[in-house]
C-alpha atoms as a PDB file:
ATOM      1  CA  UNK A   1       0.647 -15.976  51.543  1.00  0.00           C
ATOM      2  CA  UNK A   2       2.022 -13.037  49.598  1.00  0.00           C
ATOM      3  CA  UNK A   3       1.636 -15.091  46.397  1.00  0.00           C
ATOM      4  CA  UNK A   4      -2.055 -15.622  47.160  1.00  0.00           C
ATOM      5  CA  UNK A   5      -2.664 -11.932  47.784  1.00  0.00           C
ATOM      6  CA  UNK A   6      -0.713 -11.034  44.629  1.00  0.00           C
ATOM      7  CA  UNK A   7      -2.764 -13.556  42.632  1.00  0.00           C
ATOM      8  CA  UNK A   8      -6.020 -12.153  44.043  1.00  0.00           C
ATOM      9  CA  UNK A   9      -4.907  -8.605  43.183  1.00  0.00           C
ATOM     10  CA  UNK A  10      -4.091  -9.646  39.586  1.00  0.00           C
ATOM     11  CA  UNK A  11      -7.450 -11.456  39.266  1.00  0.00           C
ATOM     12  CA  UNK A  12      -9.302  -8.382  40.521  1.00  0.00           C
ATOM     13  CA  UNK A  13      -7.382  -6.154  38.100  1.00  0.00           C
ATOM     14  CA  UNK A  14      -8.134  -8.488  35.176  1.00  0.00           C
ATOM     15  CA  UNK A  15     -11.816  -8.674  36.157  1.00  0.00           C
ATOM     16  CA  UNK A  16     -12.015  -4.865  36.237  1.00  0.00           C
ATOM     17  CA  UNK A  17     -10.447  -4.676  32.746  1.00  0.00           C
ATOM     18  CA  UNK A  18     -12.911  -7.228  31.380  1.00  0.00           C
ATOM     19  CA  UNK A  19     -15.880  -5.345  32.843  1.00  0.00           C
ATOM     20  CA  UNK A  20     -14.569  -2.108  31.339  1.00  0.00           C
ATOM     21  CA  UNK A  21     -14.232  -3.773  27.919  1.00  0.00           C
ATOM     22  CA  UNK A  22     -17.770  -5.159  28.136  1.00  0.00           C
ATOM     23  CA  UNK A  23     -19.205  -1.748  29.024  1.00  0.00           C
ATOM     24  CA  UNK A  24     -17.334  -0.157  26.083  1.00  0.00           C
ATOM     25  CA  UNK A  25     -18.721  -2.776  23.700  1.00  0.00           C
ATOM     26  CA  UNK A  26     -22.263  -2.137  24.972  1.00  0.00           C
ATOM     27  CA  UNK A  27     -21.799   1.597  24.394  1.00  0.00           C
ATOM     28  CA  UNK A  28     -20.559   1.039  20.829  1.00  0.00           C
ATOM     29  CA  UNK A  29     -23.499  -1.165  19.795  1.00  0.00           C
ATOM     30  CA  UNK A  30     -26.161   1.595  20.007  1.00  0.00           C
ATOM     31  CA  UNK A  31     -23.965   3.740  17.768  1.00  0.00           C
ATOM     32  CA  UNK A  32     -23.918   0.969  15.154  1.00  0.00           C
ATOM     33  CA  UNK A  33     -27.670   0.323  15.246  1.00  0.00           C
ATOM     34  CA  UNK A  34     -28.696   3.621  13.606  1.00  0.00           C
ATOM     35  CA  UNK A  35     -26.271   2.813  10.805  1.00  0.00           C
ATOM     36  CA  UNK A  36     -28.044  -0.515  10.252  1.00  0.00           C
ATOM     37  CA  UNK A  37     -31.389   1.267  10.538  1.00  0.00           C
ATOM     38  CA  UNK A  38     -30.294   3.698   7.808  1.00  0.00           C
ATOM     39  CA  UNK A  39     -29.425   0.697   5.614  1.00  0.00           C
ATOM     40  CA  UNK A  40     -32.969  -0.668   6.058  1.00  0.00           C
ATOM     41  CA  UNK A  41     -34.677   2.680   5.507  1.00  0.00           C
ATOM     42  CA  UNK A  42     -36.953   3.203   2.537  1.00  0.00           C
ATOM     43  CA  UNK A  43     -34.850   4.630  -0.361  1.00  0.00           C
ATOM     44  CA  UNK A  44     -37.327   7.473  -0.868  1.00  0.00           C
ATOM     45  CA  UNK A  45     -37.049   8.489   2.793  1.00  0.00           C
ATOM     46  CA  UNK A  46     -33.244   8.576   2.529  1.00  0.00           C
ATOM     47  CA  UNK A  47     -33.437  10.867  -0.503  1.00  0.00           C
ATOM     48  CA  UNK A  48     -36.145  13.109   1.017  1.00  0.00           C
ATOM     49  CA  UNK A  49     -33.966  13.654   4.114  1.00  0.00           C
ATOM     50  CA  UNK A  50     -31.258  15.062   1.849  1.00  0.00           C
ATOM     51  CA  UNK A  51     -33.502  17.352  -0.189  1.00  0.00           C
ATOM     52  CA  UNK A  52     -33.236  21.105   0.211  1.00  0.00           C
ATOM     53  CA  UNK A  53     -35.306  24.057  -0.986  1.00  0.00           C
ATOM     54  CA  UNK A  54     -38.174  22.874  -3.244  1.00  0.00           C
ATOM     55  CA  UNK A  55     -36.538  19.469  -3.696  1.00  0.00           C
ATOM     56  CA  UNK A  56     -39.545  17.554  -2.475  1.00  0.00           C
ATOM     57  CA  UNK A  57     -41.806  19.505  -4.851  1.00  0.00           C
ATOM     58  CA  UNK A  58     -39.658  18.482  -7.818  1.00  0.00           C
ATOM     59  CA  UNK A  59     -39.552  14.877  -6.597  1.00  0.00           C
ATOM     60  CA  UNK A  60     -43.361  14.731  -6.337  1.00  0.00           C
ATOM     61  CA  UNK A  61     -43.771  16.123  -9.863  1.00  0.00           C
ATOM     62  CA  UNK A  62     -41.257  13.593 -11.182  1.00  0.00           C
ATOM     63  CA  UNK A  63     -43.055  10.728  -9.432  1.00  0.00           C
ATOM     64  CA  UNK A  64     -46.395  11.763 -10.880  1.00  0.00           C
ATOM     65  CA  UNK A  65     -45.073  12.209 -14.443  1.00  0.00           C
ATOM     66  CA  UNK A  66     -42.459   9.415 -14.641  1.00  0.00           C
ATOM     67  CA  UNK A  67     -43.116   6.953 -11.771  1.00  0.00           C
ATOM     68  CA  UNK A  68     -40.972   4.020 -12.952  1.00  0.00           C
ATOM     69  CA  UNK A  69     -37.957   6.072 -13.996  1.00  0.00           C
ATOM     70  CA  UNK A  70     -38.135   8.215 -10.862  1.00  0.00           C
ATOM     71  CA  UNK A  71     -38.131   5.116  -8.663  1.00  0.00           C
ATOM     72  CA  UNK A  72     -34.890   3.978 -10.328  1.00  0.00           C
ATOM     73  CA  UNK A  73     -33.312   7.393  -9.779  1.00  0.00           C
ATOM     74  CA  UNK A  74     -34.410   7.382  -6.123  1.00  0.00           C
ATOM     75  CA  UNK A  75     -32.870   3.946  -5.543  1.00  0.00           C
ATOM     76  CA  UNK A  76     -29.571   5.023  -7.118  1.00  0.00           C
ATOM     77  CA  UNK A  77     -29.464   8.287  -5.180  1.00  0.00           C
ATOM     78  CA  UNK A  78     -30.235   6.541  -1.898  1.00  0.00           C
ATOM     79  CA  UNK A  79     -27.403   4.063  -2.498  1.00  0.00           C
ATOM     80  CA  UNK A  80     -24.980   6.925  -3.122  1.00  0.00           C
ATOM     81  CA  UNK A  81     -26.158   8.686   0.035  1.00  0.00           C
ATOM     82  CA  UNK A  82     -25.943   5.533   2.175  1.00  0.00           C
ATOM     83  CA  UNK A  83     -22.454   4.707   0.938  1.00  0.00           C
ATOM     84  CA  UNK A  84     -21.294   8.219   1.796  1.00  0.00           C
ATOM     85  CA  UNK A  85     -20.276   9.063  -1.776  1.00  0.00           C
ATOM     86  CA  UNK A  86     -22.878  11.819  -1.860  1.00  0.00           C
ATOM     87  CA  UNK A  87     -23.535  13.826   1.289  1.00  0.00           C
ATOM     88  CA  UNK A  88     -24.768  17.241   0.110  1.00  0.00           C
ATOM     89  CA  UNK A  89     -28.245  18.748   0.224  1.00  0.00           C
ATOM     90  CA  UNK A  90     -30.034  18.565  -3.134  1.00  0.00           C
ATOM     91  CA  UNK A  91     -32.209  21.567  -3.873  1.00  0.00           C
ATOM     92  CA  UNK A  92     -35.070  21.583  -6.355  1.00  0.00           C
ATOM     93  CA  UNK A  93     -33.035  23.134  -9.156  1.00  0.00           C
ATOM     94  CA  UNK A  94     -30.285  20.542  -8.885  1.00  0.00           C
ATOM     95  CA  UNK A  95     -32.778  17.687  -8.787  1.00  0.00           C
ATOM     96  CA  UNK A  96     -34.647  19.070 -11.796  1.00  0.00           C
ATOM     97  CA  UNK A  97     -31.340  19.418 -13.628  1.00  0.00           C
ATOM     98  CA  UNK A  98     -30.469  15.799 -12.781  1.00  0.00           C
ATOM     99  CA  UNK A  99     -33.781  14.552 -14.173  1.00  0.00           C
ATOM    100  CA  UNK A 100     -33.391  16.611 -17.344  1.00  0.00           C
ATOM    101  CA  UNK A 101     -29.814  15.385 -17.795  1.00  0.00           C
ATOM    102  CA  UNK A 102     -30.999  11.778 -17.885  1.00  0.00           C
ATOM    103  CA  UNK A 103     -33.747  12.661 -20.365  1.00  0.00           C
ATOM    104  CA  UNK A 104     -36.775  13.168 -18.122  1.00  0.00           C
ATOM    105  CA  UNK A 105     -38.312  16.539 -18.898  1.00  0.00           C
ATOM    106  CA  UNK A 106     -40.237  17.232 -15.710  1.00  0.00           C
ATOM    107  CA  UNK A 107     -42.892  19.889 -16.258  1.00  0.00           C
ATOM    108  CA  UNK A 108     -43.133  22.282 -13.339  1.00  0.00           C
ATOM    109  CA  UNK A 109     -45.836  24.836 -12.640  1.00  0.00           C
ATOM    110  CA  UNK A 110     -44.287  28.198 -13.442  1.00  0.00           C
ATOM    111  CA  UNK A 111     -45.578  31.442 -12.018  1.00  0.00           C
ATOM    112  CA  UNK A 112     -44.082  34.786 -12.896  1.00  0.00           C
ATOM    113  CA  UNK A 113     -44.844  37.557 -10.438  1.00  0.00           C
ATOM    114  CA  UNK A 114     -44.022  41.224 -10.860  1.00  0.00           C
ATOM    115  CA  UNK A 115     -44.257  44.145  -8.495  1.00  0.00           C
ATOM    116  CA  UNK A 116     -47.155  46.521  -9.002  1.00  0.00           C
ATOM    117  CA  UNK A 117     -48.067  49.231  -6.508  1.00  0.00           C
ATOM    118  CA  UNK A 118     -45.900  47.633  -3.807  1.00  0.00           C
ATOM    119  CA  UNK A 119     -47.404  44.130  -4.152  1.00  0.00           C
ATOM    120  CA  UNK A 120     -46.484  41.112  -6.184  1.00  0.00           C
ATOM    121  CA  UNK A 121     -49.086  40.132  -8.786  1.00  0.00           C
ATOM    122  CA  UNK A 122     -48.996  37.514 -11.504  1.00  0.00           C
ATOM    123  CA  UNK A 123     -47.784  38.632 -14.901  1.00  0.00           C
ATOM    124  CA  UNK A 124     -51.106  37.714 -16.528  1.00  0.00           C
ATOM    125  CA  UNK A 125     -52.966  39.882 -13.989  1.00  0.00           C
ATOM    126  CA  UNK A 126     -50.638  42.810 -14.636  1.00  0.00           C
ATOM    127  CA  UNK A 127     -51.070  42.490 -18.406  1.00  0.00           C
ATOM    128  CA  UNK A 128     -54.838  42.210 -17.962  1.00  0.00           C
ATOM    129  CA  UNK A 129     -55.079  45.384 -15.867  1.00  0.00           C
ATOM    130  CA  UNK A 130     -52.744  47.215 -18.246  1.00  0.00           C
ATOM    131  CA  UNK A 131     -54.927  46.454 -21.285  1.00  0.00           C
ATOM    132  CA  UNK A 132     -58.163  47.330 -19.464  1.00  0.00           C
ATOM    133  CA  UNK A 133     -56.701  50.693 -18.385  1.00  0.00           C
ATOM    134  CA  UNK A 134     -56.115  51.675 -22.019  1.00  0.00           C
END
């Protein structure tokens, strides 16, 4: 009789361990799914998520001026980001520098503003008012 009760106790213990292992495996699977989802994500979306200040503006200009080349750069950047080799934010200046380094001279809209009477005005406006005052 004691052997039967010992056997039942061991079976119950083993069953509890198996249930615990199954619950741990179920908890790990949701953690792996976002990783797979990131693998399937659109390369542009992966890159956009890692862009910082004015990065998206530079990316849009690059796409409008050099669509084919920009797509290749986006694919390469997204692969680096997904693999974990590159995990920093890319701001607009860095992205522009990257494009210029590979030979794509992205033209950006440049505005120079100066302070005049406590407000910021464009340089052309300041020069215009200065010449009309004289």
